[in-house]
Amino acid sequence: MDDRQERLVILSSVIAATLATTLPGGLDELRENGHKIFHDFALPNQGNIDHIAVGPAGVFAIETKTRRKKKSETKQREQDVIFDGKFLQFPNGSTVDGIDQCKRQAEILSRWLFRRLRRKQFVVPVLTIPGWFVRATTKCDFQVVNPKQLREIINQKKGSLSRSEIDEIAVIIDQKCRDVIF
């Protein structure tokens, strides 16, 4: 590994550590609206789900991805990312990075909850991209947002879980989760 690659690895680690401490703080505000927040939920042989929010609006699997800003190759503003339902369109190109992972993790969590609850529990996949202004051009079950938009998009969902269902799901997740904040 050359010096440049080593510096990038160190920078990535610093960014990840910063996100790990700042994003949960933003999720804390959801607790005021009756949500239970979990961090670093381990998936067998599949990595982890960064954050889970369980509340009146449902269950949300939240994955965080970072991307460095580069000069725009289009007329798109350099701080904007456009989500068209399939691709993340950054000023310097399009990607699906993080989308499939986030959807897969939400599906795994949904199946895991089904085995324990004995009923179907839809999990909303949410991808957060810190430092970018996210604009969605279509509505779908999959959300891509700036972390500052999390509270807004979760609170705008219509309530589907009762207090007893929230508590039941929270207990089940708490039994497996490495870190929980009530």
C-alpha atoms as a PDB file:
ATOM      1  CA  MET A   1       0.000   0.000   0.000  1.00  0.00           C
ATOM      2  CA  ASP A   2       1.475   3.367  -0.981  1.00  0.00           C
ATOM      3  CA  ASP A   3       1.296   6.556   1.139  1.00  0.00           C
ATOM      4  CA  ARG A   4      -1.733   7.909  -0.734  1.00  0.00           C
ATOM      5  CA  GLN A   5      -3.721   4.701  -0.231  1.00  0.00           C
ATOM      6  CA  GLU A   6      -2.727   4.588   3.421  1.00  0.00           C
ATOM      7  CA  ARG A   7      -3.884   8.197   3.916  1.00  0.00           C
ATOM      8  CA  LEU A   8      -7.222   7.362   2.257  1.00  0.00           C
ATOM      9  CA  VAL A   9      -7.709   4.364   4.560  1.00  0.00           C
ATOM     10  CA  ILE A  10      -6.975   6.542   7.599  1.00  0.00           C
ATOM     11  CA  LEU A  11      -9.291   9.303   6.325  1.00  0.00           C
ATOM     12  CA  SER A  12     -12.074   6.774   5.714  1.00  0.00           C
ATOM     13  CA  SER A  13     -11.658   5.453   9.261  1.00  0.00           C
ATOM     14  CA  VAL A  14     -11.840   8.978  10.698  1.00  0.00           C
ATOM     15  CA  ILE A  15     -14.973   9.741   8.675  1.00  0.00           C
ATOM     16  CA  ALA A  16     -16.616   6.475   9.756  1.00  0.00           C
ATOM     17  CA  ALA A  17     -15.787   7.147  13.417  1.00  0.00           C
ATOM     18  CA  THR A  18     -17.192  10.674  13.150  1.00  0.00           C
ATOM     19  CA  LEU A  19     -20.408   9.393  11.585  1.00  0.00           C
ATOM     20  CA  ALA A  20     -20.783   6.714  14.219  1.00  0.00           C
ATOM     21  CA  THR A  21     -20.864   9.413  16.883  1.00  0.00           C
ATOM     22  CA  THR A  22     -22.894  12.102  15.061  1.00  0.00           C
ATOM     23  CA  LEU A  23     -25.666  10.162  13.325  1.00  0.00           C
ATOM     24  CA  PRO A  24     -26.915   8.460  16.504  1.00  0.00           C
ATOM     25  CA  GLY A  25     -27.274  11.922  18.067  1.00  0.00           C
ATOM     26  CA  GLY A  26     -29.687  12.867  15.290  1.00  0.00           C
ATOM     27  CA  LEU A  27     -31.640   9.698  15.928  1.00  0.00           C
ATOM     28  CA  ASP A  28     -31.970  10.592  19.603  1.00  0.00           C
ATOM     29  CA  GLU A  29     -34.651  13.136  18.692  1.00  0.00           C
ATOM     30  CA  LEU A  30     -36.849  10.296  17.428  1.00  0.00           C
ATOM     31  CA  ARG A  31     -37.067   8.940  20.966  1.00  0.00           C
ATOM     32  CA  GLU A  32     -39.177  11.963  21.831  1.00  0.00           C
ATOM     33  CA  ASN A  33     -41.802  10.609  19.411  1.00  0.00           C
ATOM     34  CA  GLY A  34     -41.847   7.135  20.961  1.00  0.00           C
ATOM     35  CA  HIS A  35     -39.133   5.417  18.912  1.00  0.00           C
ATOM     36  CA  LYS A  36     -36.653   2.854  20.218  1.00  0.00           C
ATOM     37  CA  ILE A  37     -33.210   3.299  18.641  1.00  0.00           C
ATOM     38  CA  PHE A  38     -30.658   0.516  18.163  1.00  0.00           C
ATOM     39  CA  HIS A  39     -27.133   0.714  16.789  1.00  0.00           C
ATOM     40  CA  ASP A  40     -24.849  -1.820  15.128  1.00  0.00           C
ATOM     41  CA  PHE A  41     -27.275  -4.730  14.719  1.00  0.00           C
ATOM     42  CA  ALA A  42     -25.210  -7.785  13.689  1.00  0.00           C
ATOM     43  CA  LEU A  43     -26.389  -9.897  10.758  1.00  0.00           C
ATOM     44  CA  PRO A  44     -25.002 -13.441  10.549  1.00  0.00           C
ATOM     45  CA  ASN A  45     -22.336 -13.548   7.824  1.00  0.00           C
ATOM     46  CA  GLN A  46     -23.809 -10.356   6.355  1.00  0.00           C
ATOM     47  CA  GLY A  47     -22.179  -7.471   8.263  1.00  0.00           C
ATOM     48  CA  ASN A  48     -24.441  -5.219  10.277  1.00  0.00           C
ATOM     49  CA  ILE A  49     -27.280  -2.723  10.110  1.00  0.00           C
ATOM     50  CA  ASP A  50     -25.926   0.636  11.259  1.00  0.00           C
ATOM     51  CA  HIS A  51     -29.126   1.786  12.996  1.00  0.00           C
ATOM     52  CA  ILE A  52     -32.674   0.572  13.567  1.00  0.00           C
ATOM     53  CA  ALA A  53     -35.570   2.819  14.576  1.00  0.00           C
ATOM     54  CA  VAL A  54     -38.746   1.180  15.901  1.00  0.00           C
ATOM     55  CA  GLY A  55     -41.721   3.398  16.570  1.00  0.00           C
ATOM     56  CA  PRO A  56     -45.300   4.323  15.753  1.00  0.00           C
ATOM     57  CA  ALA A  57     -44.402   4.745  12.061  1.00  0.00           C
ATOM     58  CA  GLY A  58     -42.889   1.244  11.799  1.00  0.00           C
ATOM     59  CA  VAL A  59     -39.448  -0.348  11.679  1.00  0.00           C
ATOM     60  CA  PHE A  60     -36.615   1.388   9.800  1.00  0.00           C
ATOM     61  CA  ALA A  61     -33.246  -0.158   8.865  1.00  0.00           C
ATOM     62  CA  ILE A  62     -30.817   2.747   8.419  1.00  0.00           C
ATOM     63  CA  GLU A  63     -27.537   2.363   6.539  1.00  0.00           C
ATOM     64  CA  THR A  64     -24.970   5.166   6.212  1.00  0.00           C
ATOM     65  CA  LYS A  65     -22.711   5.587   3.183  1.00  0.00           C
ATOM     66  CA  THR A  66     -20.166   8.309   2.548  1.00  0.00           C
ATOM     67  CA  ARG A  67     -18.894   9.690  -0.719  1.00  0.00           C
ATOM     68  CA  ARG A  68     -16.267  12.297  -1.381  1.00  0.00           C
ATOM     69  CA  LYS A  69     -17.280  15.346  -3.362  1.00  0.00           C
ATOM     70  CA  LYS A  70     -15.544  15.872  -6.672  1.00  0.00           C
ATOM     71  CA  LYS A  71     -15.875  18.468  -9.398  1.00  0.00           C
ATOM     72  CA  SER A  72     -19.172  18.284 -11.241  1.00  0.00           C
ATOM     73  CA  GLU A  73     -19.106  16.846 -14.733  1.00  0.00           C
ATOM     74  CA  THR A  74     -22.641  18.096 -15.378  1.00  0.00           C
ATOM     75  CA  LYS A  75     -24.759  21.149 -14.637  1.00  0.00           C
ATOM     76  CA  GLN A  76     -25.858  19.460 -11.411  1.00  0.00           C
ATOM     77  CA  ARG A  77     -24.819  21.345  -8.261  1.00  0.00           C
ATOM     78  CA  GLU A  78     -21.703  19.846  -6.659  1.00  0.00           C
ATOM     79  CA  GLN A  79     -23.459  19.150  -3.317  1.00  0.00           C
ATOM     80  CA  ASP A  80     -26.549  17.456  -4.811  1.00  0.00           C
ATOM     81  CA  VAL A  81     -27.346  13.788  -5.244  1.00  0.00           C
ATOM     82  CA  ILE A  82     -30.507  12.826  -7.093  1.00  0.00           C
ATOM     83  CA  PHE A  83     -32.263   9.553  -6.291  1.00  0.00           C
ATOM     84  CA  ASP A  84     -34.504   8.375  -9.139  1.00  0.00           C
ATOM     85  CA  GLY A  85     -35.700   5.203  -7.431  1.00  0.00           C
ATOM     86  CA  LYS A  86     -32.909   3.074  -8.904  1.00  0.00           C
ATOM     87  CA  PHE A  87     -29.692   5.094  -9.062  1.00  0.00           C
ATOM     88  CA  LEU A  88     -27.892   7.694  -6.995  1.00  0.00           C
ATOM     89  CA  GLN A  89     -26.917  10.406  -9.470  1.00  0.00           C
ATOM     90  CA  PHE A  90     -23.948  12.335  -8.117  1.00  0.00           C
ATOM     91  CA  PRO A  91     -22.483  15.313 -10.011  1.00  0.00           C
ATOM     92  CA  ASN A  92     -19.623  13.124 -11.260  1.00  0.00           C
ATOM     93  CA  GLY A  93     -21.558   9.944 -12.102  1.00  0.00           C
ATOM     94  CA  SER A  94     -24.236   7.460 -11.069  1.00  0.00           C
ATOM     95  CA  THR A  95     -24.024   4.499  -8.720  1.00  0.00           C
ATOM     96  CA  VAL A  96     -26.159   1.924  -6.957  1.00  0.00           C
ATOM     97  CA  ASP A  97     -23.632   1.640  -4.107  1.00  0.00           C
ATOM     98  CA  GLY A  98     -25.468   1.068  -0.848  1.00  0.00           C
ATOM     99  CA  ILE A  99     -28.947   0.702  -2.353  1.00  0.00           C
ATOM    100  CA  ASP A 100     -28.931  -3.080  -2.767  1.00  0.00           C
ATOM    101  CA  GLN A 101     -27.176  -3.550   0.578  1.00  0.00           C
ATOM    102  CA  CYS A 102     -29.732  -1.432   2.398  1.00  0.00           C
ATOM    103  CA  LYS A 103     -32.694  -3.199   0.761  1.00  0.00           C
ATOM    104  CA  ARG A 104     -31.167  -6.621   1.471  1.00  0.00           C
ATOM    105  CA  GLN A 105     -30.543  -5.753   5.130  1.00  0.00           C
ATOM    106  CA  ALA A 106     -34.126  -4.539   5.588  1.00  0.00           C
ATOM    107  CA  GLU A 107     -35.412  -7.784   4.045  1.00  0.00           C
ATOM    108  CA  ILE A 108     -33.149  -9.886   6.292  1.00  0.00           C
ATOM    109  CA  LEU A 109     -34.365  -7.971   9.351  1.00  0.00           C
ATOM    110  CA  SER A 110     -37.980  -8.409   8.228  1.00  0.00           C
ATOM    111  CA  ARG A 111     -37.519 -12.188   7.875  1.00  0.00           C
ATOM    112  CA  TRP A 112     -35.667 -12.345  11.213  1.00  0.00           C
ATOM    113  CA  LEU A 113     -38.540 -10.510  12.932  1.00  0.00           C
ATOM    114  CA  PHE A 114     -41.103 -12.772  11.230  1.00  0.00           C
ATOM    115  CA  ARG A 115     -39.446 -15.873  12.706  1.00  0.00           C
ATOM    116  CA  ARG A 116     -39.719 -14.369  16.195  1.00  0.00           C
ATOM    117  CA  LEU A 117     -43.042 -12.511  15.985  1.00  0.00           C
ATOM    118  CA  ARG A 118     -44.856 -15.110  13.863  1.00  0.00           C
ATOM    119  CA  ARG A 119     -46.277 -12.279  11.779  1.00  0.00           C
ATOM    120  CA  LYS A 120     -45.008 -10.236   8.861  1.00  0.00           C
ATOM    121  CA  GLN A 121     -43.253  -7.016   9.818  1.00  0.00           C
ATOM    122  CA  PHE A 122     -42.290  -4.723   6.946  1.00  0.00           C
ATOM    123  CA  VAL A 123     -38.965  -2.936   7.470  1.00  0.00           C
ATOM    124  CA  VAL A 124     -38.390   0.343   5.626  1.00  0.00           C
ATOM    125  CA  PRO A 125     -34.876   0.560   4.163  1.00  0.00           C
ATOM    126  CA  VAL A 126     -33.266   3.987   4.578  1.00  0.00           C
ATOM    127  CA  LEU A 127     -29.924   5.032   3.116  1.00  0.00           C
ATOM    128  CA  THR A 128     -28.321   8.155   4.578  1.00  0.00           C
ATOM    129  CA  ILE A 129     -25.597  10.086   2.772  1.00  0.00           C
ATOM    130  CA  PRO A 130     -23.999  12.669   5.099  1.00  0.00           C
ATOM    131  CA  GLY A 131     -22.802  15.935   3.588  1.00  0.00           C
ATOM    132  CA  TRP A 132     -25.019  15.743   0.504  1.00  0.00           C
ATOM    133  CA  PHE A 133     -28.308  17.425  -0.333  1.00  0.00           C
ATOM    134  CA  VAL A 134     -30.529  14.522  -1.423  1.00  0.00           C
ATOM    135  CA  ARG A 135     -33.374  15.088  -3.869  1.00  0.00           C
ATOM    136  CA  ALA A 136     -35.711  12.184  -4.674  1.00  0.00           C
ATOM    137  CA  THR A 137     -37.478  12.392  -8.028  1.00  0.00           C
ATOM    138  CA  THR A 138     -39.862   9.521  -7.302  1.00  0.00           C
ATOM    139  CA  LYS A 139     -41.668   8.047  -4.320  1.00  0.00           C
ATOM    140  CA  CYS A 140     -40.944   4.481  -3.304  1.00  0.00           C
ATOM    141  CA  ASP A 141     -40.663   2.309  -0.187  1.00  0.00           C
ATOM    142  CA  PHE A 142     -36.911   2.885  -0.180  1.00  0.00           C
ATOM    143  CA  GLN A 143     -35.697   6.200   1.263  1.00  0.00           C
ATOM    144  CA  VAL A 144     -32.425   8.009   0.509  1.00  0.00           C
ATOM    145  CA  VAL A 145     -31.825  11.059   2.707  1.00  0.00           C
ATOM    146  CA  ASN A 146     -29.290  13.319   4.334  1.00  0.00           C
ATOM    147  CA  PRO A 147     -29.080  12.311   8.036  1.00  0.00           C
ATOM    148  CA  LYS A 148     -30.668  15.660   8.954  1.00  0.00           C
ATOM    149  CA  GLN A 149     -33.819  14.523   7.089  1.00  0.00           C
ATOM    150  CA  LEU A 150     -34.203  11.259   9.042  1.00  0.00           C
ATOM    151  CA  ARG A 151     -36.537  12.583  11.698  1.00  0.00           C
ATOM    152  CA  GLU A 152     -38.727  14.268   9.102  1.00  0.00           C
ATOM    153  CA  ILE A 153     -39.129  11.230   6.823  1.00  0.00           C
ATOM    154  CA  ILE A 154     -39.694   8.811   9.699  1.00  0.00           C
ATOM    155  CA  ASN A 155     -42.199  11.057  11.471  1.00  0.00           C
ATOM    156  CA  GLN A 156     -44.166  11.771   8.273  1.00  0.00           C
ATOM    157  CA  LYS A 157     -44.980   8.060   7.824  1.00  0.00           C
ATOM    158  CA  LYS A 158     -48.442   7.102   9.018  1.00  0.00           C
ATOM    159  CA  GLY A 159     -48.459   5.197  12.305  1.00  0.00           C
ATOM    160  CA  SER A 160     -48.766   1.453  11.965  1.00  0.00           C
ATOM    161  CA  LEU A 161     -47.459   0.075  15.259  1.00  0.00           C
ATOM    162  CA  SER A 162     -49.156   0.185  18.647  1.00  0.00           C
ATOM    163  CA  ARG A 163     -47.184   0.810  21.843  1.00  0.00           C
ATOM    164  CA  SER A 164     -47.350  -2.901  22.707  1.00  0.00           C
ATOM    165  CA  GLU A 165     -46.064  -3.876  19.219  1.00  0.00           C
ATOM    166  CA  ILE A 166     -43.209  -1.353  19.517  1.00  0.00           C
ATOM    167  CA  ASP A 167     -42.265  -2.776  22.908  1.00  0.00           C
ATOM    168  CA  GLU A 168     -42.480  -6.376  21.652  1.00  0.00           C
ATOM    169  CA  ILE A 169     -40.222  -5.675  18.648  1.00  0.00           C
ATOM    170  CA  ALA A 170     -37.808  -3.646  20.803  1.00  0.00           C
ATOM    171  CA  VAL A 171     -37.415  -6.508  23.289  1.00  0.00           C
ATOM    172  CA  ILE A 172     -36.696  -8.964  20.471  1.00  0.00           C
ATOM    173  CA  ILE A 173     -34.109  -6.671  18.865  1.00  0.00           C
ATOM    174  CA  ASP A 174     -32.583  -5.818  22.246  1.00  0.00           C
ATOM    175  CA  GLN A 175     -31.864  -9.501  22.870  1.00  0.00           C
ATOM    176  CA  LYS A 176     -29.586  -9.558  19.819  1.00  0.00           C
ATOM    177  CA  CYS A 177     -28.350  -5.996  19.465  1.00  0.00           C
ATOM    178  CA  ARG A 178     -24.920  -4.914  20.707  1.00  0.00           C
ATOM    179  CA  ASP A 179     -25.940  -1.369  21.634  1.00  0.00           C
ATOM    180  CA  VAL A 180     -29.363  -0.002  22.557  1.00  0.00           C
ATOM    181  CA  ILE A 181     -30.513   3.395  23.767  1.00  0.00           C
ATOM    182  CA  PHE A 182     -34.017   3.820  25.227  1.00  0.00           C
END
